[in-house]
């Protein structure tokens, strides 16, 4: 017999050996010797009161053993001679599309403009130390996509778009710890993700798929509204049956190509703002109601904030406890910041994007001449402003938090995790009013919700501009482009996902849809 129950454990109890066994026995009213095992299904922290509680959802096995294998089985077959499906991009959407193709007996041929995870490290070092951006290999482009070096957060609200558990189990199958199946807000960690991604690559190759790195698609050849072939930067032309377009939200050249060829795209609303960085200890003290260091049993504290300012949402995005701010530009001449955390989340800083909702129909009047690219051009301009304000390198413009709200130039800024460095700049006047004025009203409100958050011990760093795609590539119910037969827009780049898990689910769905058309 197996019974699922909820258990509440305080920090004193958590230190006791076999506490879950004892509590399960007591709650069910049975002898603990009859319990074969207690399997943790879900774990979360309730820190709303000073007496912090760990909530466990567990499966109690009574006179029964835990099954050795997962209910999810991933059976891959040799597809080396099977019909081909081409996939452009090898981020979460592209990876999961490729794996799903193999499961269904089709050969994925992946074309990725960037490098594999190992070679990619040299280009990340060049950004951080030499302030040079390789436009095809950076924090956004390359094997694993932007998620590889931005923490591997797996929390998603997209529960109706597919089987979330299947995505998690596949990550475990390829080397992720089973802890991601348990935590309420799971993440893998930047230090562990590359190995998992390498395992996925090796599995795709093992079963006959192809992956071509440093292979940039530059054109689509279309006849009678049907995609016939794709052209590469090296001049090669490849005949295709179906193409899954999984290039991510920063592949601006793809949007510009589609726009130039008059292939339907749509401008869509998105959000932009800054990164705010606090000493992690401040966030811990606020969230855990403690003084000094947090209890060793507790992870680095996170937060989620939202407020309405002048009828627009101002909210935290991609919060990274115990993490780093990283340079996420995809071209020289721009500054973009993002966040990441190692698996232990043990860095001394906490950072989060704080962004403002932008309305594509109301906020870009000066950019109407760019048509459906108007949001993209606005995004570009803000990144250029950050580049010049930072000193024309990857050094980022920054300001102490209270100074920003009060409109004062900071005489200096706080220590930071951002390797290229910070330069004091008047972000209160540099940011467009539609963003800056709302942030200046939003931060004090956040300080009321989290006492101690609104402090000059925190920096704001500009700009957080790549929260999601400013473009939607429209598709029909069968996930095929509304105009071009054989083209399947996918993932974040198509405007159909907002993170690793939702992109992965969309990748699987697009693989199934593409195969259904063959």
Protein backbone atom coordinates (compact mmCIF):
# COMPACT_ATOMS: atom_id res chain seq x y z
CA UNK A 1 0.00 0.00 0.00
CA UNK A 2 1.15 3.53 -0.79
CA UNK A 3 -0.32 6.61 0.86
CA UNK A 4 0.43 10.23 -0.04
CA UNK A 5 0.37 12.63 2.90
CA UNK A 6 1.52 16.15 3.83
CA UNK A 7 4.06 16.62 6.64
CA UNK A 8 5.18 19.82 8.38
CA UNK A 9 8.63 19.91 9.93
CA UNK A 10 10.30 22.78 11.79
CA UNK A 11 14.04 23.43 11.66
CA UNK A 12 14.71 21.77 15.02
CA UNK A 13 12.88 18.62 13.91
CA UNK A 14 14.62 18.70 10.49
CA UNK A 15 17.93 17.97 12.23
CA UNK A 16 16.62 14.72 13.72
CA UNK A 17 17.38 11.44 11.96
CA UNK A 18 14.42 9.71 10.27
CA UNK A 19 12.06 12.55 11.21
CA UNK A 20 9.85 11.94 8.16
CA UNK A 21 9.51 8.27 9.04
CA UNK A 22 8.55 9.15 12.62
CA UNK A 23 6.02 11.80 11.58
CA UNK A 24 4.50 9.59 8.87
CA UNK A 25 4.11 6.75 11.35
CA UNK A 26 2.43 9.05 13.87
CA UNK A 27 0.12 10.72 11.35
CA UNK A 28 -1.03 7.40 9.82
CA UNK A 29 -1.26 5.68 13.18
CA UNK A 30 0.85 2.67 12.15
CA UNK A 31 4.01 1.05 13.48
CA UNK A 32 7.08 2.55 11.80
CA UNK A 33 8.43 -0.95 11.22
CA UNK A 34 5.58 -1.49 8.73
CA UNK A 35 6.80 1.45 6.65
CA UNK A 36 9.22 0.28 3.97
CA UNK A 37 10.14 3.77 2.78
CA UNK A 38 9.12 7.41 2.75
CA UNK A 39 9.66 9.03 -0.63
CA UNK A 40 9.70 12.82 -0.86
CA UNK A 41 7.48 14.02 -3.70
CA UNK A 42 7.59 17.76 -3.07
CA UNK A 43 9.35 20.11 -0.67
CA UNK A 44 8.73 23.80 -0.01
CA UNK A 45 9.55 26.37 2.64
CA UNK A 46 6.98 28.41 4.56
CA UNK A 47 8.86 31.40 5.97
CA UNK A 48 5.87 33.68 6.56
CA UNK A 49 6.37 33.44 10.33
CA UNK A 50 9.49 33.42 12.46
CA UNK A 51 9.06 29.69 13.14
CA UNK A 52 10.01 28.48 9.64
CA UNK A 53 8.29 25.33 8.45
CA UNK A 54 9.39 22.84 5.79
CA UNK A 55 6.37 21.41 3.98
CA UNK A 56 6.77 17.90 2.60
CA UNK A 57 4.49 15.94 0.33
CA UNK A 58 5.54 12.30 0.70
CA UNK A 59 4.57 8.85 -0.49
CA UNK A 60 4.57 6.37 2.37
CA UNK A 61 5.24 2.78 1.28
CA UNK A 62 3.60 0.36 3.72
CA UNK A 63 4.92 -3.19 3.42
CA UNK A 64 5.87 -2.34 -0.14
CA UNK A 65 9.13 -1.37 -1.86
CA UNK A 66 9.74 1.77 -3.89
CA UNK A 67 9.81 0.95 -7.63
CA UNK A 68 13.36 1.03 -8.96
CA UNK A 69 12.43 2.63 -12.28
CA UNK A 70 10.61 5.82 -13.14
CA UNK A 71 7.17 5.66 -14.70
CA UNK A 72 8.67 7.63 -17.58
CA UNK A 73 10.62 5.60 -20.12
CA UNK A 74 12.61 7.25 -22.89
CA UNK A 75 13.17 4.84 -25.75
CA UNK A 76 15.40 6.12 -28.52
CA UNK A 77 15.96 4.25 -31.77
CA UNK A 78 18.48 4.42 -34.59
CA UNK A 79 17.27 7.09 -36.99
CA UNK A 80 20.45 7.50 -39.03
CA UNK A 81 18.63 6.50 -42.24
CA UNK A 82 15.23 7.94 -41.39
CA UNK A 83 13.45 10.91 -42.92
CA UNK A 84 14.94 14.24 -41.81
CA UNK A 85 13.51 17.11 -39.80
CA UNK A 86 15.70 20.22 -39.68
CA UNK A 87 15.92 22.18 -36.45
CA UNK A 88 17.43 25.67 -36.35
CA UNK A 89 18.76 26.39 -32.87
CA UNK A 90 19.90 24.10 -30.06
CA UNK A 91 18.47 25.68 -26.95
CA UNK A 92 15.81 23.90 -24.83
CA UNK A 93 13.21 23.98 -27.63
CA UNK A 94 15.64 22.65 -30.22
CA UNK A 95 17.10 19.98 -27.92
CA UNK A 96 13.74 18.59 -26.92
CA UNK A 97 12.46 18.76 -30.49
CA UNK A 98 15.47 16.67 -31.55
CA UNK A 99 14.96 14.11 -28.80
CA UNK A 100 11.26 13.81 -29.63
CA UNK A 101 12.05 13.29 -33.32
CA UNK A 102 14.27 10.35 -32.41
CA UNK A 103 11.59 8.85 -30.17
CA UNK A 104 9.15 9.04 -33.10
CA UNK A 105 11.61 7.52 -35.57
CA UNK A 106 12.73 10.63 -37.48
CA UNK A 107 16.22 12.02 -37.93
CA UNK A 108 16.85 15.46 -36.43
CA UNK A 109 19.40 17.63 -38.25
CA UNK A 110 20.28 20.50 -35.91
CA UNK A 111 21.87 23.70 -37.21
CA UNK A 112 23.32 25.84 -34.40
CA UNK A 113 25.08 29.15 -35.08
CA UNK A 114 27.08 28.94 -31.85
CA UNK A 115 29.60 26.52 -30.37
CA UNK A 116 29.31 23.53 -28.05
CA UNK A 117 29.26 24.17 -24.30
CA UNK A 118 32.98 23.53 -23.84
CA UNK A 119 34.19 25.82 -26.63
CA UNK A 120 31.61 28.43 -25.66
CA UNK A 121 33.43 29.09 -22.36
CA UNK A 122 36.30 30.86 -24.14
CA UNK A 123 33.87 33.35 -25.66
CA UNK A 124 32.23 33.99 -22.30
CA UNK A 125 35.66 34.67 -20.83
CA UNK A 126 36.32 37.13 -23.67
CA UNK A 127 33.12 39.05 -22.84
CA UNK A 128 33.91 39.22 -19.13
CA UNK A 129 37.61 39.99 -19.33
CA UNK A 130 38.26 41.53 -22.75
CA UNK A 131 34.83 43.14 -23.29
CA UNK A 132 34.59 41.48 -26.71
CA UNK A 133 31.33 39.89 -27.89
CA UNK A 134 31.42 37.03 -30.37
CA UNK A 135 28.10 37.61 -32.12
CA UNK A 136 27.48 33.89 -32.66
CA UNK A 137 28.85 32.50 -29.38
CA UNK A 138 27.94 34.25 -26.14
CA UNK A 139 25.59 33.96 -23.16
CA UNK A 140 22.58 33.71 -25.53
CA UNK A 141 23.89 31.75 -28.52
CA UNK A 142 25.46 28.31 -28.48
CA UNK A 143 24.69 24.80 -27.29
CA UNK A 144 21.93 24.83 -24.70
CA UNK A 145 20.88 28.38 -25.56
CA UNK A 146 20.58 31.19 -23.03
CA UNK A 147 19.48 28.77 -20.28
CA UNK A 148 22.88 27.09 -20.14
CA UNK A 149 24.47 30.05 -18.41
CA UNK A 150 21.49 31.56 -16.69
CA UNK A 151 20.89 29.18 -13.84
CA UNK A 152 18.71 26.45 -15.28
CA UNK A 153 15.55 27.61 -13.49
CA UNK A 154 12.81 25.07 -14.08
CA UNK A 155 9.83 26.71 -12.43
CA UNK A 156 6.96 27.18 -14.84
CA UNK A 157 3.31 28.19 -14.79
CA UNK A 158 2.72 26.58 -18.21
CA UNK A 159 1.07 23.50 -16.74
CA UNK A 160 -1.52 23.17 -19.52
CA UNK A 161 0.92 23.22 -22.44
CA UNK A 162 2.29 19.73 -21.98
CA UNK A 163 3.62 17.17 -19.53
CA UNK A 164 5.91 19.17 -17.22
CA UNK A 165 6.91 16.05 -15.30
CA UNK A 166 8.09 14.41 -18.52
CA UNK A 167 10.46 17.34 -19.17
CA UNK A 168 11.90 17.03 -15.67
CA UNK A 169 12.24 13.25 -15.89
CA UNK A 170 14.09 13.59 -19.19
CA UNK A 171 16.58 15.95 -17.56
CA UNK A 172 17.09 13.37 -14.78
CA UNK A 173 17.51 10.69 -17.45
CA UNK A 174 20.33 12.80 -18.90
CA UNK A 175 22.08 13.38 -15.60
CA UNK A 176 20.20 15.97 -13.52
CA UNK A 177 19.74 15.23 -9.83
CA UNK A 178 16.33 13.92 -8.73
CA UNK A 179 16.10 16.96 -6.45
CA UNK A 180 14.54 18.85 -9.37
CA UNK A 181 11.55 16.49 -9.10
CA UNK A 182 11.05 17.53 -5.48
CA UNK A 183 11.76 21.23 -5.04
CA UNK A 184 8.87 23.66 -5.38
CA UNK A 185 11.12 26.05 -7.33
CA UNK A 186 13.69 23.71 -8.89
CA UNK A 187 16.86 24.74 -10.64
CA UNK A 188 19.92 22.83 -11.84
CA UNK A 189 22.69 25.40 -11.55
CA UNK A 190 25.01 26.93 -14.09
CA UNK A 191 27.89 24.69 -13.01
CA UNK A 192 25.95 21.47 -13.64
CA UNK A 193 23.94 22.29 -16.75
CA UNK A 194 26.77 21.96 -19.31
CA UNK A 195 27.33 18.28 -18.51
CA UNK A 196 23.61 17.51 -18.85
CA UNK A 197 23.49 19.34 -22.17
CA UNK A 198 26.56 17.43 -23.36
CA UNK A 199 24.79 14.16 -22.44
CA UNK A 200 21.75 15.21 -24.50
CA UNK A 201 24.00 16.03 -27.46
CA UNK A 202 25.80 12.69 -27.21
CA UNK A 203 22.50 10.82 -27.06
CA UNK A 204 21.19 12.57 -30.17
CA UNK A 205 24.38 11.70 -32.06
CA UNK A 206 24.41 8.13 -30.70
CA UNK A 207 21.02 7.40 -32.21
CA UNK A 208 21.75 8.88 -35.62
CA UNK A 209 20.84 12.55 -35.32
CA UNK A 210 23.12 15.29 -36.63
CA UNK A 211 24.24 18.46 -34.86
CA UNK A 212 26.19 21.09 -36.77
CA UNK A 213 27.77 23.83 -34.66
CA UNK A 214 29.03 27.16 -36.06
CA UNK A 215 26.38 26.76 -38.76
CA UNK A 216 24.36 29.91 -39.29
CA UNK A 217 21.19 30.01 -41.37
CA UNK A 218 21.02 33.18 -43.46
CA UNK A 219 18.13 32.66 -45.86
CA UNK A 220 14.97 30.69 -46.59
CA UNK A 221 14.14 29.63 -50.14
CA UNK A 222 10.37 29.62 -50.61
CA UNK A 223 8.28 28.66 -53.64
CA UNK A 224 4.51 28.89 -53.77
CA UNK A 225 4.46 29.61 -50.02
CA UNK A 226 6.28 26.37 -49.27
CA UNK A 227 9.73 26.22 -47.68
CA UNK A 228 12.00 24.44 -50.15
CA UNK A 229 15.48 24.91 -48.71
CA UNK A 230 17.64 26.90 -46.31
CA UNK A 231 20.87 28.70 -47.11
CA UNK A 232 23.85 28.83 -44.78
CA UNK A 233 26.41 31.54 -44.21
CA UNK A 234 29.06 29.41 -45.93
CA UNK A 235 26.98 29.41 -49.14
CA UNK A 236 25.63 25.88 -48.79
CA UNK A 237 21.97 25.27 -49.59
CA UNK A 238 20.08 22.42 -47.92
CA UNK A 239 16.82 20.95 -49.21
CA UNK A 240 14.34 20.49 -46.35
CA UNK A 241 11.15 18.59 -45.57
CA UNK A 242 10.17 20.52 -42.45
CA UNK A 243 11.98 23.15 -40.38
CA UNK A 244 11.51 23.83 -36.67
CA UNK A 245 12.60 27.42 -36.05
CA UNK A 246 13.92 27.45 -32.47
CA UNK A 247 16.39 30.33 -32.57
CA UNK A 248 15.54 32.01 -29.24
CA UNK A 249 14.42 35.52 -28.36
CA UNK A 250 17.72 37.22 -29.27
CA UNK A 251 18.17 36.04 -32.89
CA UNK A 252 17.41 39.45 -34.33
CA UNK A 253 18.83 38.55 -37.73
CA UNK A 254 16.09 35.92 -38.13
CA UNK A 255 13.34 38.43 -37.36
CA UNK A 256 14.91 40.90 -39.79
CA UNK A 257 15.20 38.21 -42.46
CA UNK A 258 11.53 37.26 -42.11
CA UNK A 259 10.53 40.93 -42.19
CA UNK A 260 12.65 41.58 -45.31
CA UNK A 261 11.12 38.60 -47.10
CA UNK A 262 7.63 39.80 -46.08
CA UNK A 263 6.98 36.60 -44.15
CA UNK A 264 4.39 37.36 -41.48
CA UNK A 265 5.66 38.39 -38.06
CA UNK A 266 3.91 40.45 -35.38
CA UNK A 267 5.24 42.96 -32.87
CA UNK A 268 4.28 41.89 -29.36
CA UNK A 269 4.33 43.37 -25.89
CA UNK A 270 7.24 42.54 -23.63
CA UNK A 271 9.04 43.98 -20.57
CA UNK A 272 12.30 45.82 -19.90
CA UNK A 273 14.08 47.30 -16.92
CA UNK A 274 17.19 46.78 -14.80
CA UNK A 275 18.90 44.24 -12.57
CA UNK A 276 18.93 44.99 -8.85
CA UNK A 277 21.66 43.42 -6.72
CA UNK A 278 21.66 43.14 -2.93
CA UNK A 279 24.02 41.39 -0.54
CA UNK A 280 22.39 37.98 -0.12
CA UNK A 281 22.47 38.43 3.65
CA UNK A 282 19.98 41.32 3.41
CA UNK A 283 17.49 39.18 1.46
CA UNK A 284 18.00 36.28 3.88
CA UNK A 285 17.30 38.49 6.88
CA UNK A 286 14.15 39.90 5.30
CA UNK A 287 12.73 36.58 4.11
CA UNK A 288 13.74 34.42 7.07
CA UNK A 289 13.18 37.03 9.81
CA UNK A 290 16.68 36.43 11.10
CA UNK A 291 19.64 38.53 12.18
CA UNK A 292 23.10 37.63 10.93
CA UNK A 293 23.51 34.54 8.78
CA UNK A 294 20.60 32.31 7.84
CA UNK A 295 20.22 28.82 9.29
CA UNK A 296 22.47 26.31 7.52
CA UNK A 297 19.43 24.18 6.64
CA UNK A 298 17.92 26.98 4.59
CA UNK A 299 18.85 27.82 1.01
CA UNK A 300 19.73 31.34 -0.10
CA UNK A 301 16.45 33.22 0.09
CA UNK A 302 14.60 34.28 -3.03
CA UNK A 303 11.75 36.71 -3.56
CA UNK A 304 8.97 37.51 -5.99
CA UNK A 305 7.60 41.04 -6.20
CA UNK A 306 4.93 42.73 -8.27
CA UNK A 307 3.22 46.10 -8.13
CA UNK A 308 0.97 48.16 -10.38
CA UNK A 309 2.39 51.60 -11.26
CA UNK A 310 0.35 53.85 -13.55
CA UNK A 311 -1.64 50.87 -14.84
CA UNK A 312 1.46 48.84 -15.70
CA UNK A 313 2.98 45.87 -13.95
CA UNK A 314 6.41 46.37 -12.36
CA UNK A 315 7.74 43.01 -11.27
CA UNK A 316 10.75 40.86 -10.43
CA UNK A 317 12.00 38.56 -13.16
CA UNK A 318 14.52 35.67 -13.14
CA UNK A 319 15.49 36.16 -9.49
CA UNK A 320 18.92 34.63 -8.74
CA UNK A 321 19.66 34.01 -5.04
CA UNK A 322 23.34 33.48 -4.32
CA UNK A 323 24.07 34.35 -7.92
CA UNK A 324 25.92 36.51 -10.43
CA UNK A 325 25.01 39.22 -12.90
CA UNK A 326 26.37 38.37 -16.36
CA UNK A 327 26.86 40.29 -19.63
CA UNK A 328 24.25 38.94 -22.08
CA UNK A 329 24.90 41.14 -25.13
CA UNK A 330 24.79 39.43 -28.52
CA UNK A 331 26.65 42.16 -30.42
CA UNK A 332 29.38 44.67 -29.77
CA UNK A 333 28.06 48.15 -29.11
CA UNK A 334 25.35 47.11 -26.65
CA UNK A 335 25.14 46.26 -22.94
CA UNK A 336 22.61 43.71 -21.69
CA UNK A 337 22.56 42.12 -18.23
CA UNK A 338 21.10 38.84 -17.04
CA UNK A 339 21.45 36.68 -13.93
CA UNK A 340 22.57 33.16 -13.06
CA UNK A 341 23.29 31.02 -10.01
CA UNK A 342 25.49 27.98 -9.34
CA UNK A 343 23.75 24.88 -8.02
CA UNK A 344 24.64 25.66 -4.38
CA UNK A 345 23.55 29.29 -4.73
CA UNK A 346 26.44 30.21 -2.49
CA UNK A 347 27.59 33.55 -3.88
CA UNK A 348 27.30 36.51 -1.52
CA UNK A 349 24.94 38.47 -3.76
CA UNK A 350 21.29 38.16 -4.77
CA UNK A 351 20.11 39.69 -8.02
CA UNK A 352 16.87 39.96 -9.93
CA UNK A 353 15.51 41.66 -12.98
CA UNK A 354 13.00 44.37 -12.08
CA UNK A 355 11.07 45.15 -15.22
CA UNK A 356 8.15 47.18 -16.52
CA UNK A 357 5.41 45.91 -18.82
CA UNK A 358 5.45 47.65 -22.20
CA UNK A 359 2.41 47.87 -24.46
CA UNK A 360 3.33 47.36 -28.11
CA UNK A 361 0.25 49.31 -29.26
CA UNK A 362 0.78 52.41 -27.10
CA UNK A 363 4.44 52.81 -26.15
CA UNK A 364 6.35 52.92 -29.42
CA UNK A 365 4.86 55.77 -31.44
CA UNK A 366 8.31 57.07 -32.40
CA UNK A 367 9.18 53.63 -33.79
CA UNK A 368 6.14 53.03 -35.99
CA UNK A 369 8.28 53.45 -39.12
CA UNK A 370 9.91 50.09 -38.29
CA UNK A 371 6.59 48.29 -38.56
CA UNK A 372 6.53 44.97 -36.76
CA UNK A 373 10.15 45.49 -35.68
CA UNK A 374 9.31 48.57 -33.62
CA UNK A 375 9.72 46.89 -30.23
CA UNK A 376 12.97 45.32 -31.38
CA UNK A 377 14.37 48.71 -32.44
CA UNK A 378 13.36 50.27 -29.12
CA UNK A 379 15.15 47.41 -27.35
CA UNK A 380 18.28 48.00 -29.45
CA UNK A 381 18.32 51.71 -28.65
CA UNK A 382 18.11 51.14 -24.91
CA UNK A 383 21.01 48.68 -25.08
CA UNK A 384 23.08 51.23 -27.00
CA UNK A 385 22.35 53.87 -24.35
CA UNK A 386 23.60 51.42 -21.69
CA UNK A 387 26.74 50.77 -23.77
CA UNK A 388 27.65 54.47 -24.01
CA UNK A 389 26.73 55.15 -20.37
CA UNK A 390 29.01 52.32 -19.27
CA UNK A 391 31.99 53.75 -21.16
CA UNK A 392 31.70 51.92 -24.50
CA UNK A 393 32.79 48.55 -23.11
CA UNK A 394 30.88 45.75 -21.37
CA UNK A 395 31.17 47.76 -18.15
CA UNK A 396 27.56 48.39 -17.16
CA UNK A 397 25.97 51.64 -16.00
CA UNK A 398 24.86 51.41 -12.37
CA UNK A 399 23.45 53.47 -9.52
CA UNK A 400 22.73 52.91 -5.85
CA UNK A 401 19.07 52.05 -5.41
CA UNK A 402 17.92 54.95 -3.22
CA UNK A 403 19.98 57.39 -5.29
CA UNK A 404 18.16 56.18 -8.41
CA UNK A 405 14.75 56.80 -6.86
CA UNK A 406 15.80 60.21 -5.51
CA UNK A 407 17.40 61.24 -8.81
CA UNK A 408 20.95 61.57 -7.49
CA UNK A 409 24.13 60.47 -9.26
CA UNK A 410 25.90 57.98 -6.98
CA UNK A 411 29.39 59.10 -5.99
CA UNK A 412 30.33 55.43 -6.11
CA UNK A 413 28.55 52.09 -6.38
CA UNK A 414 28.59 48.97 -4.23
CA UNK A 415 30.69 45.87 -4.74
CA UNK A 416 29.20 43.65 -7.43
CA UNK A 417 29.25 40.15 -8.89
CA UNK A 418 29.30 41.58 -12.43
CA UNK A 419 32.76 40.73 -13.75
CA UNK A 420 33.18 43.40 -16.45
CA UNK A 421 32.59 46.00 -13.74
CA UNK A 422 30.19 48.87 -13.07
CA UNK A 423 30.33 52.59 -13.78
CA UNK A 424 28.24 55.11 -11.87
CA UNK A 425 25.68 56.62 -14.24
CA UNK A 426 22.43 58.63 -13.92
CA UNK A 427 20.07 55.82 -14.85
CA UNK A 428 17.20 57.89 -13.44
CA UNK A 429 17.58 60.22 -16.43
CA UNK A 430 18.98 57.76 -19.01
CA UNK A 431 16.12 55.28 -18.90
CA UNK A 432 13.07 56.22 -20.99
CA UNK A 433 10.41 57.80 -18.80
CA UNK A 434 7.95 55.00 -19.44
CA UNK A 435 10.38 52.61 -17.72
CA UNK A 436 12.40 54.83 -15.36
CA UNK A 437 9.49 56.70 -13.75
CA UNK A 438 7.65 53.46 -12.99
CA UNK A 439 10.75 51.84 -11.53
CA UNK A 440 11.33 54.89 -9.32
CA UNK A 441 7.80 54.54 -7.93
CA UNK A 442 7.93 50.76 -7.76
CA UNK A 443 11.10 50.29 -5.70
CA UNK A 444 9.82 52.16 -2.60
CA UNK A 445 6.62 50.07 -2.77
CA UNK A 446 8.73 46.92 -2.83
CA UNK A 447 10.51 48.28 0.24
CA UNK A 448 7.16 48.40 2.05
CA UNK A 449 6.54 44.75 1.24
CA UNK A 450 10.10 43.68 2.13
CA UNK A 451 11.40 45.93 4.91
CA UNK A 452 15.09 46.55 4.25
CA UNK A 453 14.89 45.94 0.49
CA UNK A 454 14.87 49.64 -0.42
CA UNK A 455 18.45 50.49 0.53
CA UNK A 456 21.54 52.15 -0.88
CA UNK A 457 23.41 48.94 -0.13
CA UNK A 458 21.80 47.68 -3.36
CA UNK A 459 22.82 48.59 -6.90
CA UNK A 460 20.62 48.79 -9.95
CA UNK A 461 22.44 47.76 -13.14
CA UNK A 462 21.31 48.49 -16.71
CA UNK A 463 19.78 47.13 -18.76
CA UNK A 464 17.60 44.03 -18.38
CA UNK A 465 16.16 44.02 -21.87
CA UNK A 466 15.86 40.40 -23.02
CA UNK A 467 13.05 39.15 -20.81
CA UNK A 468 11.17 37.79 -23.81
CA UNK A 469 10.88 38.23 -27.53
CA UNK A 470 9.49 41.55 -28.84
CA UNK A 471 8.28 39.56 -31.87
CA UNK A 472 5.71 36.83 -32.38
CA UNK A 473 6.00 34.55 -35.41
CA UNK A 474 2.37 33.53 -36.02
CA UNK A 475 1.34 29.94 -36.49
CA UNK A 476 -1.81 27.95 -37.16
CA UNK A 477 -3.47 25.42 -34.88
CA UNK A 478 -1.20 22.73 -36.31
CA UNK A 479 1.79 24.89 -35.18
CA UNK A 480 2.82 25.62 -38.77
CA UNK A 481 3.46 29.20 -39.84
CA UNK A 482 0.29 30.93 -41.00
CA UNK A 483 1.71 31.54 -44.48
CA UNK A 484 4.74 29.29 -45.06
CA UNK A 485 4.18 25.56 -45.35
CA UNK A 486 6.88 23.48 -43.69
CA UNK A 487 8.02 26.19 -41.23
CA UNK A 488 7.25 25.64 -37.54
CA UNK A 489 8.05 28.65 -35.28
CA UNK A 490 8.95 27.34 -31.85
CA UNK A 491 9.86 28.28 -28.29
CA UNK A 492 10.85 31.68 -26.94
CA UNK A 493 11.95 32.98 -30.32
CA UNK A 494 8.51 32.41 -31.79
CA UNK A 495 6.84 33.99 -28.78
CA UNK A 496 5.45 30.68 -27.47
CA UNK A 497 7.49 30.08 -24.32
CA UNK A 498 8.92 31.92 -21.35
CA UNK A 499 11.62 29.69 -19.93
CA UNK A 500 13.42 26.36 -20.17
CA UNK A 501 10.48 24.08 -19.38
CA UNK A 502 7.86 25.83 -21.52
CA UNK A 503 10.35 26.02 -24.40
CA UNK A 504 11.13 22.31 -24.05
CA UNK A 505 7.44 21.42 -24.09
CA UNK A 506 6.90 23.56 -27.16
CA UNK A 507 9.88 21.87 -28.83
CA UNK A 508 8.28 18.47 -28.33
CA UNK A 509 4.93 19.69 -29.65
CA UNK A 510 6.54 21.24 -32.73
CA UNK A 511 8.43 18.02 -33.45
CA UNK A 512 5.16 16.10 -33.32
CA UNK A 513 3.45 18.69 -35.52
CA UNK A 514 6.24 18.73 -38.10
CA UNK A 515 6.29 14.95 -38.31
CA UNK A 516 2.49 14.83 -38.69
CA UNK A 517 2.90 16.89 -41.89
CA UNK A 518 5.55 14.65 -43.46
